[in-house]
Amino acid sequence: MMAEYSNLDSIELDVKSSMVCGNHNRVAILYLLRNTDNHEMQAEMMAYRLGLSHRTVLYHLDILHDYELVEVRKFIKRGSKMFRSVWGLNSQNGHTRKIFIKINGMFSEKELSGMISQNKPHQ
């Protein structure tokens, strides 16, 4: 039974790794969060830093959230609605650290930092 759990855990990690590493926007979001204070940032700031629309960042954050790699850290209230404001790495998920090992195996530090500077809007 323990071997089955280990195999399922390995398969789940492979699926998450493929989903993350197959899209540069998701890799860049995780890299950006990993390199910020408390591993968190407002979605609007992520969009600015990555040169992406706010909607695109939220789309990828939702996918990363579905895979339990990120979490909403803070909500803000606008009128009667609550909006997700600050997102962070999910430190409770053991796969997050393993995903970064996979990311670091696929991309150099230069490539990872280039994803951010390459996407940043020109001023």
PDB file of N, CA and C in Angstrom:
ATOM      1  N   MET A   1       0.825  -1.190   0.000  1.00  0.00           N
ATOM      2  CA  MET A   1       0.000   0.000   0.000  1.00  0.00           C
ATOM      3  C   MET A   1       0.870   1.256   0.000  1.00  0.00           C
ATOM      4  N   MET A   2       1.981   1.234   0.728  1.00  0.00           N
ATOM      5  CA  MET A   2       2.857   2.395   0.800  1.00  0.00           C
ATOM      6  C   MET A   2       3.492   2.675  -0.553  1.00  0.00           C
ATOM      7  N   ALA A   3       3.843   1.638  -1.314  1.00  0.00           N
ATOM      8  CA  ALA A   3       4.431   1.822  -2.638  1.00  0.00           C
ATOM      9  C   ALA A   3       3.430   2.480  -3.586  1.00  0.00           C
ATOM     10  N   GLU A   4       2.142   2.109  -3.461  1.00  0.00           N
ATOM     11  CA  GLU A   4       1.109   2.725  -4.293  1.00  0.00           C
ATOM     12  C   GLU A   4       1.020   4.216  -4.003  1.00  0.00           C
ATOM     13  N   TYR A   5       1.054   4.596  -2.737  1.00  0.00           N
ATOM     14  CA  TYR A   5       0.994   6.008  -2.374  1.00  0.00           C
ATOM     15  C   TYR A   5       2.190   6.746  -2.944  1.00  0.00           C
ATOM     16  N   SER A   6       3.347   6.161  -2.850  1.00  0.00           N
ATOM     17  CA  SER A   6       4.560   6.789  -3.365  1.00  0.00           C
ATOM     18  C   SER A   6       4.462   6.993  -4.874  1.00  0.00           C
ATOM     19  N   ASN A   7       3.956   5.997  -5.586  1.00  0.00           N
ATOM     20  CA  ASN A   7       3.793   6.115  -7.034  1.00  0.00           C
ATOM     21  C   ASN A   7       2.777   7.188  -7.391  1.00  0.00           C
ATOM     22  N   LEU A   8       1.661   7.251  -6.668  1.00  0.00           N
ATOM     23  CA  LEU A   8       0.653   8.276  -6.926  1.00  0.00           C
ATOM     24  C   LEU A   8       1.214   9.663  -6.646  1.00  0.00           C
ATOM     25  N   ASP A   9       1.979   9.789  -5.582  1.00  0.00           N
ATOM     26  CA  ASP A   9       2.596  11.069  -5.239  1.00  0.00           C
ATOM     27  C   ASP A   9       3.568  11.491  -6.335  1.00  0.00           C
ATOM     28  N   SER A  10       4.323  10.547  -6.852  1.00  0.00           N
ATOM     29  CA  SER A  10       5.275  10.824  -7.920  1.00  0.00           C
ATOM     30  C   SER A  10       4.560  11.231  -9.203  1.00  0.00           C
ATOM     31  N   ILE A  11       3.469  10.562  -9.525  1.00  0.00           N
ATOM     32  CA  ILE A  11       2.687  10.893 -10.712  1.00  0.00           C
ATOM     33  C   ILE A  11       2.087  12.286 -10.567  1.00  0.00           C
ATOM     34  N   GLU A  12       1.548  12.587  -9.387  1.00  0.00           N
ATOM     35  CA  GLU A  12       0.965  13.914  -9.146  1.00  0.00           C
ATOM     36  C   GLU A  12       2.024  15.005  -9.302  1.00  0.00           C
ATOM     37  N   LEU A  13       3.215  14.753  -8.778  1.00  0.00           N
ATOM     38  CA  LEU A  13       4.307  15.722  -8.907  1.00  0.00           C
ATOM     39  C   LEU A  13       4.686  15.910 -10.376  1.00  0.00           C
ATOM     40  N   ASP A  14       4.737  14.828 -11.146  1.00  0.00           N
ATOM     41  CA  ASP A  14       5.059  14.927 -12.572  1.00  0.00           C
ATOM     42  C   ASP A  14       4.009  15.737 -13.330  1.00  0.00           C
ATOM     43  N   VAL A  15       2.734  15.532 -12.995  1.00  0.00           N
ATOM     44  CA  VAL A  15       1.658  16.283 -13.653  1.00  0.00           C
ATOM     45  C   VAL A  15       1.786  17.767 -13.317  1.00  0.00           C
ATOM     46  N   LYS A  16       2.013  18.081 -12.038  1.00  0.00           N
ATOM     47  CA  LYS A  16       2.168  19.481 -11.625  1.00  0.00           C
ATOM     48  C   LYS A  16       3.388  20.108 -12.292  1.00  0.00           C
ATOM     49  N   SER A  17       4.483  19.378 -12.345  1.00  0.00           N
ATOM     50  CA  SER A  17       5.701  19.898 -12.965  1.00  0.00           C
ATOM     51  C   SER A  17       5.479  20.201 -14.435  1.00  0.00           C
ATOM     52  N   SER A  18       4.818  19.294 -15.136  1.00  0.00           N
ATOM     53  CA  SER A  18       4.544  19.510 -16.562  1.00  0.00           C
ATOM     54  C   SER A  18       3.644  20.711 -16.767  1.00  0.00           C
ATOM     55  N   MET A  19       2.637  20.841 -15.921  1.00  0.00           N
ATOM     56  CA  MET A  19       1.701  21.949 -16.036  1.00  0.00           C
ATOM     57  C   MET A  19       2.412  23.276 -15.785  1.00  0.00           C
ATOM     58  N   VAL A  20       3.299  23.325 -14.818  1.00  0.00           N
ATOM     59  CA  VAL A  20       4.006  24.570 -14.491  1.00  0.00           C
ATOM     60  C   VAL A  20       5.084  24.858 -15.526  1.00  0.00           C
ATOM     61  N   CYS A  21       5.958  23.905 -15.747  1.00  0.00           N
ATOM     62  CA  CYS A  21       7.122  24.125 -16.608  1.00  0.00           C
ATOM     63  C   CYS A  21       6.753  24.259 -18.076  1.00  0.00           C
ATOM     64  N   GLY A  22       5.564  23.842 -18.440  1.00  0.00           N
ATOM     65  CA  GLY A  22       5.120  23.958 -19.823  1.00  0.00           C
ATOM     66  C   GLY A  22       4.642  25.355 -20.192  1.00  0.00           C
ATOM     67  N   ASN A  23       4.608  26.267 -19.225  1.00  0.00           N
ATOM     68  CA  ASN A  23       4.134  27.623 -19.496  1.00  0.00           C
ATOM     69  C   ASN A  23       5.057  28.626 -18.809  1.00  0.00           C
ATOM     70  N   HIS A  24       5.706  29.469 -19.583  1.00  0.00           N
ATOM     71  CA  HIS A  24       6.676  30.414 -19.032  1.00  0.00           C
ATOM     72  C   HIS A  24       6.030  31.428 -18.094  1.00  0.00           C
ATOM     73  N   ASN A  25       4.776  31.779 -18.323  1.00  0.00           N
ATOM     74  CA  ASN A  25       4.107  32.718 -17.418  1.00  0.00           C
ATOM     75  C   ASN A  25       3.968  32.126 -16.017  1.00  0.00           C
ATOM     76  N   ARG A  26       3.613  30.847 -15.946  1.00  0.00           N
ATOM     77  CA  ARG A  26       3.468  30.211 -14.635  1.00  0.00           C
ATOM     78  C   ARG A  26       4.815  30.055 -13.953  1.00  0.00           C
ATOM     79  N   VAL A  27       5.838  29.698 -14.720  1.00  0.00           N
ATOM     80  CA  VAL A  27       7.191  29.602 -14.152  1.00  0.00           C
ATOM     81  C   VAL A  27       7.616  30.969 -13.616  1.00  0.00           C
ATOM     82  N   ALA A  28       7.368  32.018 -14.408  1.00  0.00           N
ATOM     83  CA  ALA A  28       7.771  33.374 -14.002  1.00  0.00           C
ATOM     84  C   ALA A  28       7.027  33.819 -12.749  1.00  0.00           C
ATOM     85  N   ILE A  29       5.741  33.489 -12.629  1.00  0.00           N
ATOM     86  CA  ILE A  29       4.967  33.851 -11.439  1.00  0.00           C
ATOM     87  C   ILE A  29       5.552  33.169 -10.208  1.00  0.00           C
ATOM     88  N   LEU A  30       5.817  31.874 -10.301  1.00  0.00           N
ATOM     89  CA  LEU A  30       6.383  31.159  -9.152  1.00  0.00           C
ATOM     90  C   LEU A  30       7.768  31.692  -8.795  1.00  0.00           C
ATOM     91  N   TYR A  31       8.588  31.966  -9.807  1.00  0.00           N
ATOM     92  CA  TYR A  31       9.933  32.506  -9.570  1.00  0.00           C
ATOM     93  C   TYR A  31       9.840  33.878  -8.904  1.00  0.00           C
ATOM     94  N   LEU A  32       8.930  34.698  -9.386  1.00  0.00           N
ATOM     95  CA  LEU A  32       8.741  36.029  -8.811  1.00  0.00           C
ATOM     96  C   LEU A  32       8.318  35.929  -7.349  1.00  0.00           C
ATOM     97  N   LEU A  33       7.359  35.063  -7.048  1.00  0.00           N
ATOM     98  CA  LEU A  33       6.910  34.892  -5.665  1.00  0.00           C
ATOM     99  C   LEU A  33       8.021  34.353  -4.769  1.00  0.00           C
ATOM    100  N   ARG A  34       8.794  33.431  -5.303  1.00  0.00           N
ATOM    101  CA  ARG A  34       9.879  32.852  -4.501  1.00  0.00           C
ATOM    102  C   ARG A  34      10.902  33.903  -4.103  1.00  0.00           C
ATOM    103  N   ASN A  35      11.054  34.938  -4.917  1.00  0.00           N
ATOM    104  CA  ASN A  35      12.080  35.939  -4.681  1.00  0.00           C
ATOM    105  C   ASN A  35      11.555  37.235  -4.068  1.00  0.00           C
ATOM    106  N   THR A  36      10.388  37.188  -3.446  1.00  0.00           N
ATOM    107  CA  THR A  36       9.841  38.363  -2.773  1.00  0.00           C
ATOM    108  C   THR A  36       9.777  38.122  -1.273  1.00  0.00           C
ATOM    109  N   ASP A  37       9.654  39.215  -0.534  1.00  0.00           N
ATOM    110  CA  ASP A  37       9.507  39.105   0.921  1.00  0.00           C
ATOM    111  C   ASP A  37       8.262  38.287   1.238  1.00  0.00           C
ATOM    112  N   ASN A  38       8.401  37.383   2.170  1.00  0.00           N
ATOM    113  CA  ASN A  38       7.309  36.500   2.608  1.00  0.00           C
ATOM    114  C   ASN A  38       6.711  35.671   1.473  1.00  0.00           C
ATOM    115  N   HIS A  39       7.386  35.641   0.323  1.00  0.00           N
ATOM    116  CA  HIS A  39       6.926  34.856  -0.832  1.00  0.00           C
ATOM    117  C   HIS A  39       5.502  35.215  -1.226  1.00  0.00           C
ATOM    118  N   GLU A  40       5.201  36.539  -1.223  1.00  0.00           N
ATOM    119  CA  GLU A  40       3.864  36.989  -1.578  1.00  0.00           C
ATOM    120  C   GLU A  40       3.929  38.322  -2.308  1.00  0.00           C
ATOM    121  N   MET A  41       2.862  38.591  -3.094  1.00  0.00           N
ATOM    122  CA  MET A  41       2.809  39.829  -3.851  1.00  0.00           C
ATOM    123  C   MET A  41       1.372  40.069  -4.316  1.00  0.00           C
ATOM    124  N   GLN A  42       1.026  41.340  -4.503  1.00  0.00           N
ATOM    125  CA  GLN A  42      -0.276  41.672  -5.055  1.00  0.00           C
ATOM    126  C   GLN A  42      -0.312  41.264  -6.530  1.00  0.00           C
ATOM    127  N   ALA A  43      -1.461  40.800  -6.953  1.00  0.00           N
ATOM    128  CA  ALA A  43      -1.620  40.369  -8.347  1.00  0.00           C
ATOM    129  C   ALA A  43      -1.332  41.512  -9.312  1.00  0.00           C
ATOM    130  N   GLU A  44      -1.733  42.721  -8.972  1.00  0.00           N
ATOM    131  CA  GLU A  44      -1.488  43.877  -9.841  1.00  0.00           C
ATOM    132  C   GLU A  44       0.006  44.120 -10.019  1.00  0.00           C
ATOM    133  N   MET A  45       0.768  43.973  -8.943  1.00  0.00           N
ATOM    134  CA  MET A  45       2.213  44.181  -9.021  1.00  0.00           C
ATOM    135  C   MET A  45       2.868  43.072  -9.844  1.00  0.00           C
ATOM    136  N   MET A  46       2.374  41.843  -9.697  1.00  0.00           N
ATOM    137  CA  MET A  46       2.896  40.750 -10.520  1.00  0.00           C
ATOM    138  C   MET A  46       2.671  41.054 -11.996  1.00  0.00           C
ATOM    139  N   ALA A  47       1.482  41.531 -12.319  1.00  0.00           N
ATOM    140  CA  ALA A  47       1.159  41.858 -13.715  1.00  0.00           C
ATOM    141  C   ALA A  47       2.126  42.913 -14.234  1.00  0.00           C
ATOM    142  N   TYR A  48       2.381  43.932 -13.441  1.00  0.00           N
ATOM    143  CA  TYR A  48       3.307  44.988 -13.862  1.00  0.00           C
ATOM    144  C   TYR A  48       4.716  44.437 -14.046  1.00  0.00           C
ATOM    145  N   ARG A  49       5.193  43.679 -13.056  1.00  0.00           N
ATOM    146  CA  ARG A  49       6.561  43.152 -13.107  1.00  0.00           C
ATOM    147  C   ARG A  49       6.771  42.186 -14.268  1.00  0.00           C
ATOM    148  N   LEU A  50       5.721  41.474 -14.634  1.00  0.00           N
ATOM    149  CA  LEU A  50       5.835  40.484 -15.713  1.00  0.00           C
ATOM    150  C   LEU A  50       5.440  41.037 -17.073  1.00  0.00           C
ATOM    151  N   GLY A  51       4.900  42.237 -17.090  1.00  0.00           N
ATOM    152  CA  GLY A  51       4.462  42.819 -18.359  1.00  0.00           C
ATOM    153  C   GLY A  51       3.254  42.111 -18.934  1.00  0.00           C
ATOM    154  N   LEU A  52       2.404  41.597 -18.058  1.00  0.00           N
ATOM    155  CA  LEU A  52       1.198  40.879 -18.465  1.00  0.00           C
ATOM    156  C   LEU A  52      -0.027  41.638 -17.984  1.00  0.00           C
ATOM    157  N   SER A  53      -1.166  41.317 -18.541  1.00  0.00           N
ATOM    158  CA  SER A  53      -2.396  41.930 -18.053  1.00  0.00           C
ATOM    159  C   SER A  53      -2.758  41.322 -16.701  1.00  0.00           C
ATOM    160  N   HIS A  54      -3.500  42.075 -15.924  1.00  0.00           N
ATOM    161  CA  HIS A  54      -3.969  41.594 -14.625  1.00  0.00           C
ATOM    162  C   HIS A  54      -4.805  40.332 -14.808  1.00  0.00           C
ATOM    163  N   ARG A  55      -5.632  40.322 -15.824  1.00  0.00           N
ATOM    164  CA  ARG A  55      -6.488  39.169 -16.100  1.00  0.00           C
ATOM    165  C   ARG A  55      -5.655  37.915 -16.417  1.00  0.00           C
ATOM    166  N   THR A  56      -4.574  38.088 -17.182  1.00  0.00           N
ATOM    167  CA  THR A  56      -3.703  36.952 -17.526  1.00  0.00           C
ATOM    168  C   THR A  56      -3.030  36.393 -16.275  1.00  0.00           C
ATOM    169  N   VAL A  57      -2.557  37.277 -15.417  1.00  0.00           N
ATOM    170  CA  VAL A  57      -1.916  36.826 -14.176  1.00  0.00           C
ATOM    171  C   VAL A  57      -2.922  36.077 -13.309  1.00  0.00           C
ATOM    172  N   LEU A  58      -4.131  36.617 -13.179  1.00  0.00           N
ATOM    173  CA  LEU A  58      -5.150  35.924 -12.382  1.00  0.00           C
ATOM    174  C   LEU A  58      -5.500  34.562 -12.976  1.00  0.00           C
ATOM    175  N   TYR A  59      -5.532  34.473 -14.292  1.00  0.00           N
ATOM    176  CA  TYR A  59      -5.797  33.195 -14.955  1.00  0.00           C
ATOM    177  C   TYR A  59      -4.749  32.156 -14.536  1.00  0.00           C
ATOM    178  N   HIS A  60      -3.478  32.539 -14.604  1.00  0.00           N
ATOM    179  CA  HIS A  60      -2.409  31.595 -14.249  1.00  0.00           C
ATOM    180  C   HIS A  60      -2.371  31.341 -12.745  1.00  0.00           C
ATOM    181  N   LEU A  61      -2.664  32.350 -11.940  1.00  0.00           N
ATOM    182  CA  LEU A  61      -2.734  32.139 -10.482  1.00  0.00           C
ATOM    183  C   LEU A  61      -3.848  31.155 -10.137  1.00  0.00           C
ATOM    184  N   ASP A  62      -4.969  31.243 -10.825  1.00  0.00           N
ATOM    185  CA  ASP A  62      -6.063  30.288 -10.586  1.00  0.00           C
ATOM    186  C   ASP A  62      -5.623  28.858 -10.886  1.00  0.00           C
ATOM    187  N   ILE A  63      -4.896  28.676 -11.972  1.00  0.00           N
ATOM    188  CA  ILE A  63      -4.390  27.339 -12.308  1.00  0.00           C
ATOM    189  C   ILE A  63      -3.414  26.863 -11.242  1.00  0.00           C
ATOM    190  N   LEU A  64      -2.484  27.728 -10.848  1.00  0.00           N
ATOM    191  CA  LEU A  64      -1.517  27.369  -9.808  1.00  0.00           C
ATOM    192  C   LEU A  64      -2.228  27.096  -8.479  1.00  0.00           C
ATOM    193  N   HIS A  65      -3.303  27.811  -8.217  1.00  0.00           N
ATOM    194  CA  HIS A  65      -4.095  27.591  -7.000  1.00  0.00           C
ATOM    195  C   HIS A  65      -4.787  26.232  -7.063  1.00  0.00           C
ATOM    196  N   ASP A  66      -5.330  25.885  -8.236  1.00  0.00           N
ATOM    197  CA  ASP A  66      -5.982  24.576  -8.403  1.00  0.00           C
ATOM    198  C   ASP A  66      -5.006  23.437  -8.117  1.00  0.00           C
ATOM    199  N   TYR A  67      -3.737  23.647  -8.429  1.00  0.00           N
ATOM    200  CA  TYR A  67      -2.711  22.640  -8.171  1.00  0.00           C
ATOM    201  C   TYR A  67      -2.065  22.818  -6.794  1.00  0.00           C
ATOM    202  N   GLU A  68      -2.646  23.703  -5.979  1.00  0.00           N
ATOM    203  CA  GLU A  68      -2.237  23.941  -4.587  1.00  0.00           C
ATOM    204  C   GLU A  68      -0.794  24.424  -4.451  1.00  0.00           C
ATOM    205  N   LEU A  69      -0.318  25.172  -5.441  1.00  0.00           N
ATOM    206  CA  LEU A  69       1.045  25.709  -5.382  1.00  0.00           C
ATOM    207  C   LEU A  69       1.075  27.144  -4.864  1.00  0.00           C
ATOM    208  N   VAL A  70      -0.041  27.861  -5.007  1.00  0.00           N
ATOM    209  CA  VAL A  70      -0.158  29.214  -4.467  1.00  0.00           C
ATOM    210  C   VAL A  70      -1.443  29.299  -3.661  1.00  0.00           C
ATOM    211  N   GLU A  71      -1.513  30.338  -2.838  1.00  0.00           N
ATOM    212  CA  GLU A  71      -2.699  30.554  -2.026  1.00  0.00           C
ATOM    213  C   GLU A  71      -2.986  32.050  -1.958  1.00  0.00           C
ATOM    214  N   VAL A  72      -4.235  32.375  -1.683  1.00  0.00           N
ATOM    215  CA  VAL A  72      -4.597  33.771  -1.473  1.00  0.00           C
ATOM    216  C   VAL A  72      -4.237  34.108  -0.033  1.00  0.00           C
ATOM    217  N   ARG A  73      -3.456  35.150   0.128  1.00  0.00           N
ATOM    218  CA  ARG A  73      -3.022  35.554   1.464  1.00  0.00           C
ATOM    219  C   ARG A  73      -3.855  36.710   2.021  1.00  0.00           C
ATOM    220  N   LYS A  74      -4.443  37.522   1.121  1.00  0.00           N
ATOM    221  CA  LYS A  74      -5.201  38.675   1.591  1.00  0.00           C
ATOM    222  C   LYS A  74      -6.301  39.010   0.597  1.00  0.00           C
ATOM    223  N   PHE A  75      -7.471  39.316   1.149  1.00  0.00           N
ATOM    224  CA  PHE A  75      -8.600  39.775   0.354  1.00  0.00           C
ATOM    225  C   PHE A  75      -8.816  41.259   0.643  1.00  0.00           C
ATOM    226  N   ILE A  76      -9.348  41.976  -0.330  1.00  0.00           N
ATOM    227  CA  ILE A  76      -9.764  43.351  -0.091  1.00  0.00           C
ATOM    228  C   ILE A  76     -11.238  43.457  -0.431  1.00  0.00           C
ATOM    229  N   LYS A  77     -11.896  44.352   0.263  1.00  0.00           N
ATOM    230  CA  LYS A  77     -13.326  44.524   0.049  1.00  0.00           C
ATOM    231  C   LYS A  77     -13.548  45.780  -0.775  1.00  0.00           C
ATOM    232  N   ARG A  78     -14.300  45.619  -1.847  1.00  0.00           N
ATOM    233  CA  ARG A  78     -14.714  46.748  -2.689  1.00  0.00           C
ATOM    234  C   ARG A  78     -16.229  46.683  -2.780  1.00  0.00           C
ATOM    235  N   GLY A  79     -16.856  47.640  -2.154  1.00  0.00           N
ATOM    236  CA  GLY A  79     -18.310  47.595  -2.077  1.00  0.00           C
ATOM    237  C   GLY A  79     -18.730  46.408  -1.242  1.00  0.00           C
ATOM    238  N   SER A  80     -19.582  45.595  -1.795  1.00  0.00           N
ATOM    239  CA  SER A  80     -20.039  44.404  -1.063  1.00  0.00           C
ATOM    240  C   SER A  80     -19.288  43.141  -1.468  1.00  0.00           C
ATOM    241  N   LYS A  81     -18.305  43.290  -2.370  1.00  0.00           N
ATOM    242  CA  LYS A  81     -17.582  42.116  -2.871  1.00  0.00           C
ATOM    243  C   LYS A  81     -16.181  42.028  -2.279  1.00  0.00           C
ATOM    244  N   MET A  82     -15.717  40.790  -2.132  1.00  0.00           N
ATOM    245  CA  MET A  82     -14.356  40.521  -1.683  1.00  0.00           C
ATOM    246  C   MET A  82     -13.538  40.099  -2.904  1.00  0.00           C
ATOM    247  N   PHE A  83     -12.361  40.707  -3.055  1.00  0.00           N
ATOM    248  CA  PHE A  83     -11.481  40.389  -4.168  1.00  0.00           C
ATOM    249  C   PHE A  83     -10.157  39.853  -3.640  1.00  0.00           C
ATOM    250  N   ARG A  84      -9.584  38.902  -4.377  1.00  0.00           N
ATOM    251  CA  ARG A  84      -8.273  38.361  -4.018  1.00  0.00           C
ATOM    252  C   ARG A  84      -7.238  39.424  -4.329  1.00  0.00           C
ATOM    253  N   SER A  85      -6.410  39.733  -3.357  1.00  0.00           N
ATOM    254  CA  SER A  85      -5.451  40.816  -3.552  1.00  0.00           C
ATOM    255  C   SER A  85      -4.014  40.318  -3.519  1.00  0.00           C
ATOM    256  N   VAL A  86      -3.634  39.702  -2.422  1.00  0.00           N
ATOM    257  CA  VAL A  86      -2.253  39.252  -2.256  1.00  0.00           C
ATOM    258  C   VAL A  86      -2.212  37.732  -2.367  1.00  0.00           C
ATOM    259  N   TRP A  87      -1.294  37.261  -3.219  1.00  0.00           N
ATOM    260  CA  TRP A  87      -1.101  35.831  -3.439  1.00  0.00           C
ATOM    261  C   TRP A  87       0.279  35.446  -2.936  1.00  0.00           C
ATOM    262  N   GLY A  88       0.425  34.209  -2.497  1.00  0.00           N
ATOM    263  CA  GLY A  88       1.720  33.739  -2.038  1.00  0.00           C
ATOM    264  C   GLY A  88       1.909  32.267  -2.330  1.00  0.00           C
ATOM    265  N   LEU A  89       3.157  31.834  -2.172  1.00  0.00           N
ATOM    266  CA  LEU A  89       3.450  30.412  -2.354  1.00  0.00           C
ATOM    267  C   LEU A  89       2.774  29.613  -1.252  1.00  0.00           C
ATOM    268  N   ASN A  90       2.263  28.461  -1.589  1.00  0.00           N
ATOM    269  CA  ASN A  90       1.635  27.577  -0.618  1.00  0.00           C
ATOM    270  C   ASN A  90       2.723  26.778   0.079  1.00  0.00           C
ATOM    271  N   SER A  91       3.079  27.223   1.270  1.00  0.00           N
ATOM    272  CA  SER A  91       4.161  26.566   2.006  1.00  0.00           C
ATOM    273  C   SER A  91       3.706  25.252   2.639  1.00  0.00           C
ATOM    274  N   GLN A  92       2.407  25.021   2.689  1.00  0.00           N
ATOM    275  CA  GLN A  92       1.886  23.791   3.284  1.00  0.00           C
ATOM    276  C   GLN A  92       1.965  22.610   2.321  1.00  0.00           C
ATOM    277  N   ASN A  93       2.100  22.900   1.037  1.00  0.00           N
ATOM    278  CA  ASN A  93       2.146  21.843   0.037  1.00  0.00           C
ATOM    279  C   ASN A  93       3.590  21.389  -0.139  1.00  0.00           C
ATOM    280  N   GLY A  94       3.855  20.131   0.118  1.00  0.00           N
ATOM    281  CA  GLY A  94       5.203  19.592  -0.017  1.00  0.00           C
ATOM    282  C   GLY A  94       5.709  19.589  -1.447  1.00  0.00           C
ATOM    283  N   HIS A  95       4.812  19.708  -2.402  1.00  0.00           N
ATOM    284  CA  HIS A  95       5.227  19.698  -3.807  1.00  0.00           C
ATOM    285  C   HIS A  95       5.851  21.010  -4.240  1.00  0.00           C
ATOM    286  N   THR A  96       5.571  22.107  -3.549  1.00  0.00           N
ATOM    287  CA  THR A  96       6.088  23.405  -3.970  1.00  0.00           C
ATOM    288  C   THR A  96       7.610  23.385  -4.038  1.00  0.00           C
ATOM    289  N   ARG A  97       8.247  22.868  -3.009  1.00  0.00           N
ATOM    290  CA  ARG A  97       9.720  22.790  -2.997  1.00  0.00           C
ATOM    291  C   ARG A  97      10.217  21.884  -4.113  1.00  0.00           C
ATOM    292  N   LYS A  98       9.548  20.769  -4.332  1.00  0.00           N
ATOM    293  CA  LYS A  98       9.948  19.838  -5.381  1.00  0.00           C
ATOM    294  C   LYS A  98       9.745  20.437  -6.770  1.00  0.00           C
ATOM    295  N   ILE A  99       8.722  21.242  -6.932  1.00  0.00           N
ATOM    296  CA  ILE A  99       8.487  21.914  -8.213  1.00  0.00           C
ATOM    297  C   ILE A  99       9.649  22.847  -8.513  1.00  0.00           C
ATOM    298  N   PHE A 100      10.145  23.566  -7.491  1.00  0.00           N
ATOM    299  CA  PHE A 100      11.274  24.470  -7.712  1.00  0.00           C
ATOM    300  C   PHE A 100      12.550  23.707  -8.065  1.00  0.00           C
ATOM    301  N   ILE A 101      12.704  22.522  -7.539  1.00  0.00           N
ATOM    302  CA  ILE A 101      13.853  21.690  -7.925  1.00  0.00           C
ATOM    303  C   ILE A 101      13.742  21.354  -9.412  1.00  0.00           C
ATOM    304  N   LYS A 102      12.537  20.998  -9.862  1.00  0.00           N
ATOM    305  CA  LYS A 102      12.321  20.704 -11.287  1.00  0.00           C
ATOM    306  C   LYS A 102      12.555  21.948 -12.138  1.00  0.00           C
ATOM    307  N   ILE A 103      12.021  23.092 -11.687  1.00  0.00           N
ATOM    308  CA  ILE A 103      12.190  24.348 -12.435  1.00  0.00           C
ATOM    309  C   ILE A 103      13.671  24.674 -12.560  1.00  0.00           C
ATOM    310  N   ASN A 104      14.406  24.559 -11.456  1.00  0.00           N
ATOM    311  CA  ASN A 104      15.844  24.857 -11.482  1.00  0.00           C
ATOM    312  C   ASN A 104      16.619  23.876 -12.348  1.00  0.00           C
ATOM    313  N   GLY A 105      16.094  22.681 -12.537  1.00  0.00           N
ATOM    314  CA  GLY A 105      16.727  21.722 -13.422  1.00  0.00           C
ATOM    315  C   GLY A 105      16.453  22.011 -14.892  1.00  0.00           C
ATOM    316  N   MET A 106      15.363  22.700 -15.159  1.00  0.00           N
ATOM    317  CA  MET A 106      14.985  22.984 -16.545  1.00  0.00           C
ATOM    318  C   MET A 106      15.438  24.365 -17.019  1.00  0.00           C
ATOM    319  N   PHE A 107      15.567  25.302 -16.072  1.00  0.00           N
ATOM    320  CA  PHE A 107      15.901  26.679 -16.424  1.00  0.00           C
ATOM    321  C   PHE A 107      17.082  27.153 -15.580  1.00  0.00           C
ATOM    322  N   SER A 108      17.981  27.899 -16.189  1.00  0.00           N
ATOM    323  CA  SER A 108      19.080  28.495 -15.425  1.00  0.00           C
ATOM    324  C   SER A 108      18.553  29.728 -14.704  1.00  0.00           C
ATOM    325  N   GLU A 109      19.314  30.188 -13.732  1.00  0.00           N
ATOM    326  CA  GLU A 109      18.936  31.402 -13.000  1.00  0.00           C
ATOM    327  C   GLU A 109      18.829  32.590 -13.966  1.00  0.00           C
ATOM    328  N   LYS A 110      19.713  32.623 -14.950  1.00  0.00           N
ATOM    329  CA  LYS A 110      19.697  33.696 -15.949  1.00  0.00           C
ATOM    330  C   LYS A 110      18.403  33.652 -16.762  1.00  0.00           C
ATOM    331  N   GLU A 111      17.982  32.443 -17.163  1.00  0.00           N
ATOM    332  CA  GLU A 111      16.736  32.303 -17.912  1.00  0.00           C
ATOM    333  C   GLU A 111      15.533  32.724 -17.067  1.00  0.00           C
ATOM    334  N   LEU A 112      15.554  32.326 -15.791  1.00  0.00           N
ATOM    335  CA  LEU A 112      14.441  32.657 -14.907  1.00  0.00           C
ATOM    336  C   LEU A 112      14.347  34.161 -14.680  1.00  0.00           C
ATOM    337  N   SER A 113      15.467  34.801 -14.399  1.00  0.00           N
ATOM    338  CA  SER A 113      15.419  36.251 -14.196  1.00  0.00           C
ATOM    339  C   SER A 113      15.102  36.959 -15.510  1.00  0.00           C
ATOM    340  N   GLY A 114      15.499  36.366 -16.633  1.00  0.00           N
ATOM    341  CA  GLY A 114      15.183  36.925 -17.946  1.00  0.00           C
ATOM    342  C   GLY A 114      13.701  36.886 -18.250  1.00  0.00           C
ATOM    343  N   MET A 115      12.985  35.879 -17.711  1.00  0.00           N
ATOM    344  CA  MET A 115      11.548  35.805 -17.919  1.00  0.00           C
ATOM    345  C   MET A 115      10.856  37.021 -17.335  1.00  0.00           C
ATOM    346  N   ILE A 116      11.404  37.516 -16.263  1.00  0.00           N
ATOM    347  CA  ILE A 116      10.803  38.682 -15.624  1.00  0.00           C
ATOM    348  C   ILE A 116      11.227  39.954 -16.354  1.00  0.00           C
ATOM    349  N   SER A 117      12.525  40.123 -16.573  1.00  0.00           N
ATOM    350  CA  SER A 117      12.980  41.352 -17.215  1.00  0.00           C
ATOM    351  C   SER A 117      12.546  41.412 -18.682  1.00  0.00           C
ATOM    352  N   GLN A 118      12.456  40.257 -19.333  1.00  0.00           N
ATOM    353  CA  GLN A 118      12.039  40.203 -20.735  1.00  0.00           C
ATOM    354  C   GLN A 118      10.585  40.649 -20.860  1.00  0.00           C
ATOM    355  N   ASN A 119       9.771  40.267 -19.906  1.00  0.00           N
ATOM    356  CA  ASN A 119       8.349  40.578 -19.962  1.00  0.00           C
ATOM    357  C   ASN A 119       8.017  41.947 -19.394  1.00  0.00           C
ATOM    358  N   LYS A 120       8.949  42.550 -18.657  1.00  0.00           N
ATOM    359  CA  LYS A 120       8.658  43.830 -17.999  1.00  0.00           C
ATOM    360  C   LYS A 120       8.456  44.909 -19.065  1.00  0.00           C
ATOM    361  N   PRO A 121       7.433  45.742 -18.890  1.00  0.00           N
ATOM    362  CA  PRO A 121       7.173  46.782 -19.879  1.00  0.00           C
ATOM    363  C   PRO A 121       8.355  47.732 -20.011  1.00  0.00           C
ATOM    364  N   HIS A 122       8.618  48.154 -21.215  1.00  0.00           N
ATOM    365  CA  HIS A 122       9.706  49.109 -21.457  1.00  0.00           C
ATOM    366  C   HIS A 122       9.264  50.487 -21.001  1.00  0.00           C
ATOM    367  N   GLN A 123      10.181  51.197 -20.358  1.00  0.00           N
ATOM    368  CA  GLN A 123       9.835  52.531 -19.853  1.00  0.00           C
ATOM    369  C   GLN A 123      10.551  53.596 -20.607  1.00  0.00           C
TER     370      GLN A 123
END
